């Protein structure tokens, strides 16, 4: 199988290690490579998918929305969020899935429909979070307030926009921004009031948000756990077999 990750940046990504380990464990011949691409590079990769030169692709920031626009068909979650992170050909059509949505639902604590959720961000990852938690009481904040309000209005009409840095007491905080990849910190008040944290960024060490949450005794799901969850679903889409999740998790943390 010929698989790729499309995005910018991608050098830090653990996805090649995760999927290479899964392919090797199951005895599936193939490779998974990371490509740092601009919009033109995404379009080139779509051409490779259509020609059969590629069997599948993951898409990461900042191209998830572009990838969705290039698809012939989207699954329900990708259509709802207007963003896709997984591409493959089905019956001659380029199809897109958003496995981030299922991954977010799978790692979240609390009962659906009864949670208070604060989504941070206004990009493709935040779109996935708004779709994943649309049945809950959702608040959204971004450093671009107009983008946060527009995101909420389009993807989760019941969501309410709040100012960046404003605390929502007891909320499950979903950090769907890049903050933390290079040691940046989330606003202190947001974490101090949180009832839980799902931190999408990841790095070699725990992000400042995860480290702070653990010091405060707040339940925390880090970006690696979420990456493995969405990767497992992408792997199933491409191969038709269940992913070896523990093998993938070990590779992600190696």
Protein backbone atom coordinates (compact mmCIF):
# COMPACT_ATOMS: atom_id res chain seq x y z
CA UNK A 1 0.00 0.00 0.00
CA UNK A 2 1.12 3.53 -0.74
CA UNK A 3 -0.08 5.95 1.92
CA UNK A 4 0.82 9.56 2.69
CA UNK A 5 0.27 12.32 5.20
CA UNK A 6 -0.35 15.76 3.67
CA UNK A 7 0.16 18.93 5.68
CA UNK A 8 2.44 21.70 6.85
CA UNK A 9 4.19 21.15 9.19
CA UNK A 10 4.57 17.36 9.16
CA UNK A 11 8.17 16.73 10.27
CA UNK A 12 7.03 16.24 13.88
CA UNK A 13 4.26 13.79 13.00
CA UNK A 14 4.13 10.34 14.57
CA UNK A 15 1.73 9.11 11.90
CA UNK A 16 4.44 7.49 9.71
CA UNK A 17 5.70 5.49 12.69
CA UNK A 18 2.16 4.52 13.73
CA UNK A 19 1.01 3.28 10.33
CA UNK A 20 4.34 1.68 9.38
CA UNK A 21 4.21 -0.36 12.59
CA UNK A 22 0.64 -1.44 11.86
CA UNK A 23 1.45 -2.49 8.30
CA UNK A 24 4.49 -4.47 9.45
CA UNK A 25 2.60 -6.14 12.30
CA UNK A 26 -0.12 -7.38 9.95
CA UNK A 27 2.28 -8.35 7.17
CA UNK A 28 0.86 -5.82 4.71
CA UNK A 29 3.46 -4.63 2.21
CA UNK A 30 3.51 -0.87 1.92
CA UNK A 31 4.77 2.46 3.13
CA UNK A 32 3.39 5.57 4.78
CA UNK A 33 5.30 8.80 4.14
CA UNK A 34 4.85 12.38 5.32
CA UNK A 35 4.74 15.14 2.71
CA UNK A 36 5.03 18.80 3.56
CA UNK A 37 2.76 20.37 0.96
CA UNK A 38 0.97 23.56 0.03
CA UNK A 39 -2.46 23.63 -1.60
CA UNK A 40 -0.94 22.64 -4.93
CA UNK A 41 0.67 19.62 -3.31
CA UNK A 42 -2.70 18.50 -1.98
CA UNK A 43 -4.16 18.76 -5.48
CA UNK A 44 -1.21 16.75 -6.85
CA UNK A 45 -1.80 14.01 -4.27
CA UNK A 46 -5.49 13.90 -5.19
CA UNK A 47 -4.40 13.27 -8.77
CA UNK A 48 -2.23 10.39 -7.55
CA UNK A 49 -5.16 8.91 -5.65
CA UNK A 50 -7.37 9.11 -8.72
CA UNK A 51 -4.70 7.46 -10.89
CA UNK A 52 -3.98 4.69 -8.40
CA UNK A 53 -0.46 5.87 -7.63
CA UNK A 54 -1.58 6.32 -4.02
CA UNK A 55 -3.95 4.08 -2.04
CA UNK A 56 -4.84 6.54 0.69
CA UNK A 57 -3.96 9.79 2.40
CA UNK A 58 -4.29 11.50 5.72
CA UNK A 59 -4.66 15.28 5.72
CA UNK A 60 -3.59 17.52 8.56
CA UNK A 61 -3.44 21.26 9.14
CA UNK A 62 -3.91 23.52 7.31
CA UNK A 63 -5.49 21.52 4.46
CA UNK A 64 -8.48 19.64 5.93
CA UNK A 65 -11.07 22.01 4.48
CA UNK A 66 -9.38 22.10 1.09
CA UNK A 67 -9.34 18.31 1.00
CA UNK A 68 -13.07 18.21 1.69
CA UNK A 69 -13.74 20.58 -1.20
CA UNK A 70 -11.75 18.34 -3.55
CA UNK A 71 -13.76 15.21 -2.70
CA UNK A 72 -16.56 13.75 -4.77
CA UNK A 73 -18.23 12.30 -1.70
CA UNK A 74 -17.97 12.87 2.06
CA UNK A 75 -19.08 10.78 5.01
CA UNK A 76 -21.60 12.35 7.40
CA UNK A 77 -19.00 13.64 9.87
CA UNK A 78 -16.79 15.17 7.17
CA UNK A 79 -19.81 16.79 5.51
CA UNK A 80 -21.04 18.20 8.82
CA UNK A 81 -17.65 19.68 9.67
CA UNK A 82 -16.74 20.63 6.10
CA UNK A 83 -13.31 19.09 6.68
CA UNK A 84 -11.70 15.73 6.05
CA UNK A 85 -8.56 14.05 7.32
CA UNK A 86 -8.76 10.73 5.42
CA UNK A 87 -8.94 10.18 1.66
CA UNK A 88 -9.42 7.07 -0.47
CA UNK A 89 -11.03 6.06 -3.76
CA UNK A 90 -14.33 4.17 -3.67
CA UNK A 91 -16.04 3.09 -6.92
CA UNK A 92 -13.99 5.59 -8.88
CA UNK A 93 -14.84 8.52 -6.61
CA UNK A 94 -12.58 10.42 -4.23
CA UNK A 95 -14.14 9.96 -0.80
CA UNK A 96 -13.36 11.81 2.40
CA UNK A 97 -13.84 10.85 6.03
CA UNK A 98 -13.26 12.75 9.24
CA UNK A 99 -11.93 10.15 11.66
CA UNK A 100 -11.11 12.93 14.14
CA UNK A 101 -14.81 13.11 15.01
CA UNK A 102 -15.11 9.44 15.97
CA UNK A 103 -11.80 9.63 17.83
CA UNK A 104 -12.96 12.61 19.90
CA UNK A 105 -16.19 10.87 20.83
CA UNK A 106 -14.30 7.71 21.81
CA UNK A 107 -11.92 9.43 24.25
CA UNK A 108 -14.35 11.90 25.84
CA UNK A 109 -15.56 11.41 29.39
CA UNK A 110 -19.11 12.08 30.54
CA UNK A 111 -22.49 11.23 29.09
CA UNK A 112 -23.28 12.62 25.62
CA UNK A 113 -25.87 15.37 25.82
CA UNK A 114 -25.05 16.12 29.45
CA UNK A 115 -21.56 17.60 29.10
CA UNK A 116 -20.38 21.19 28.99
CA UNK A 117 -17.64 21.51 26.37
CA UNK A 118 -15.33 24.41 25.56
CA UNK A 119 -13.77 24.11 22.10
CA UNK A 120 -10.67 26.21 21.51
CA UNK A 121 -9.89 27.03 17.89
CA UNK A 122 -11.50 27.82 14.55
CA UNK A 123 -9.78 25.48 12.10
CA UNK A 124 -10.40 21.98 10.81
CA UNK A 125 -9.68 20.31 14.16
CA UNK A 126 -12.11 22.62 15.93
CA UNK A 127 -14.70 21.81 13.28
CA UNK A 128 -14.34 18.13 14.12
CA UNK A 129 -14.81 18.92 17.82
CA UNK A 130 -17.94 20.96 17.18
CA UNK A 131 -19.42 18.07 15.20
CA UNK A 132 -18.35 15.47 17.77
CA UNK A 133 -19.94 17.33 20.69
CA UNK A 134 -22.90 18.93 18.94
CA UNK A 135 -25.34 17.18 21.30
CA UNK A 136 -23.71 18.80 24.35
CA UNK A 137 -23.69 22.31 25.78
CA UNK A 138 -20.91 23.78 23.66
CA UNK A 139 -18.91 26.96 23.99
CA UNK A 140 -16.27 27.99 21.48
CA UNK A 141 -13.39 30.46 21.70
CA UNK A 142 -10.61 31.45 19.31
CA UNK A 143 -7.99 34.15 19.13
CA UNK A 144 -9.99 35.44 16.15
CA UNK A 145 -13.42 36.09 17.75
CA UNK A 146 -15.20 36.52 14.43
CA UNK A 147 -13.92 33.12 13.28
CA UNK A 148 -15.12 31.47 16.49
CA UNK A 149 -18.59 32.96 16.12
CA UNK A 150 -18.81 31.99 12.45
CA UNK A 151 -17.63 28.46 13.23
CA UNK A 152 -20.24 28.04 15.92
CA UNK A 153 -23.02 29.42 13.75
CA UNK A 154 -22.19 27.16 10.79
CA UNK A 155 -21.31 23.89 12.53
CA UNK A 156 -23.10 23.85 15.87
CA UNK A 157 -25.92 26.41 15.96
CA UNK A 158 -26.55 25.80 19.65
CA UNK A 159 -22.94 26.67 20.54
CA UNK A 160 -22.09 30.01 22.08
CA UNK A 161 -18.92 31.98 21.43
CA UNK A 162 -16.93 33.32 24.37
CA UNK A 163 -13.87 35.53 24.58
CA UNK A 164 -10.46 33.92 24.25
CA UNK A 165 -9.10 33.13 27.70
CA UNK A 166 -12.52 33.15 29.38
CA UNK A 167 -13.11 30.23 31.76
CA UNK A 168 -16.18 27.97 31.50
CA UNK A 169 -16.46 26.27 34.90
CA UNK A 170 -16.49 22.48 34.77
CA UNK A 171 -16.15 22.30 31.00
CA UNK A 172 -14.38 19.58 29.08
CA UNK A 173 -11.78 21.74 27.31
CA UNK A 174 -10.86 20.62 23.79
CA UNK A 175 -7.71 22.36 22.67
CA UNK A 176 -8.05 22.22 18.89
CA UNK A 177 -5.34 24.84 18.29
CA UNK A 178 -1.60 24.31 17.67
CA UNK A 179 -0.87 25.86 21.08
CA UNK A 180 1.47 23.53 22.93
CA UNK A 181 3.39 22.08 19.99
CA UNK A 182 6.30 24.42 20.71
CA UNK A 183 5.83 24.87 24.44
CA UNK A 184 3.17 27.59 24.29
CA UNK A 185 0.66 27.76 27.13
CA UNK A 186 -3.11 27.98 27.16
CA UNK A 187 -4.68 30.77 29.26
CA UNK A 188 -4.36 29.74 32.91
CA UNK A 189 -7.95 30.54 33.82
CA UNK A 190 -9.30 28.15 31.18
CA UNK A 191 -7.47 25.16 32.62
CA UNK A 192 -7.98 26.10 36.26
CA UNK A 193 -11.75 25.93 35.80
CA UNK A 194 -11.80 22.87 33.53
CA UNK A 195 -13.46 19.57 34.33
CA UNK A 196 -11.30 17.72 31.78
CA UNK A 197 -8.93 18.28 28.89
CA UNK A 198 -8.52 16.82 25.42
CA UNK A 199 -5.30 18.32 24.08
CA UNK A 200 -4.88 17.75 20.36
CA UNK A 201 -1.30 19.08 19.96
CA UNK A 202 1.54 16.77 20.92
CA UNK A 203 5.31 16.95 21.18
CA UNK A 204 8.21 14.83 22.43
CA UNK A 205 7.33 15.83 25.99
CA UNK A 206 3.95 16.50 27.56
CA UNK A 207 2.50 19.80 26.37
CA UNK A 208 2.24 22.55 29.00
CA UNK A 209 -1.55 22.13 29.00
CA UNK A 210 -1.35 18.39 29.73
CA UNK A 211 1.32 18.92 32.38
CA UNK A 212 -0.78 21.61 34.06
CA UNK A 213 -3.95 19.51 33.91
CA UNK A 214 -2.22 16.58 35.57
CA UNK A 215 -0.84 18.82 38.31
CA UNK A 216 -4.36 20.06 38.94
CA UNK A 217 -5.77 16.53 39.02
CA UNK A 218 -7.83 17.11 35.87
CA UNK A 219 -8.47 14.13 33.61
CA UNK A 220 -6.39 14.62 30.47
CA UNK A 221 -6.34 12.90 27.08
CA UNK A 222 -3.21 13.88 25.19
CA UNK A 223 -2.67 14.33 21.49
CA UNK A 224 -0.95 10.97 21.07
CA UNK A 225 -3.95 9.04 22.39
CA UNK A 226 -6.23 10.97 20.05
CA UNK A 227 -3.84 10.52 17.12
CA UNK A 228 -3.83 6.75 17.63
CA UNK A 229 -7.63 6.64 17.86
CA UNK A 230 -8.13 8.47 14.58
CA UNK A 231 -5.27 6.58 12.91
CA UNK A 232 -6.87 3.25 13.76
CA UNK A 233 -10.07 4.28 11.98
CA UNK A 234 -8.14 5.57 8.95
CA UNK A 235 -6.23 2.28 8.80
CA UNK A 236 -9.48 0.30 8.77
CA UNK A 237 -10.84 2.47 5.93
CA UNK A 238 -7.74 1.86 3.77
CA UNK A 239 -7.12 -1.81 4.51
CA UNK A 240 -10.53 -3.22 5.46
CA UNK A 241 -9.07 -4.84 8.58
CA UNK A 242 -9.10 -3.85 12.23
CA UNK A 243 -6.04 -1.89 13.29
CA UNK A 244 -3.59 -3.26 15.88
CA UNK A 245 -4.22 -0.39 18.29
CA UNK A 246 -1.69 -1.38 20.96
CA UNK A 247 1.04 -1.78 18.35
CA UNK A 248 0.17 1.66 17.01
CA UNK A 249 0.17 3.19 20.49
CA UNK A 250 3.59 1.74 21.30
CA UNK A 251 4.98 3.10 18.02
CA UNK A 252 3.48 6.52 18.68
CA UNK A 253 5.18 6.80 22.06
CA UNK A 254 8.52 5.21 21.08
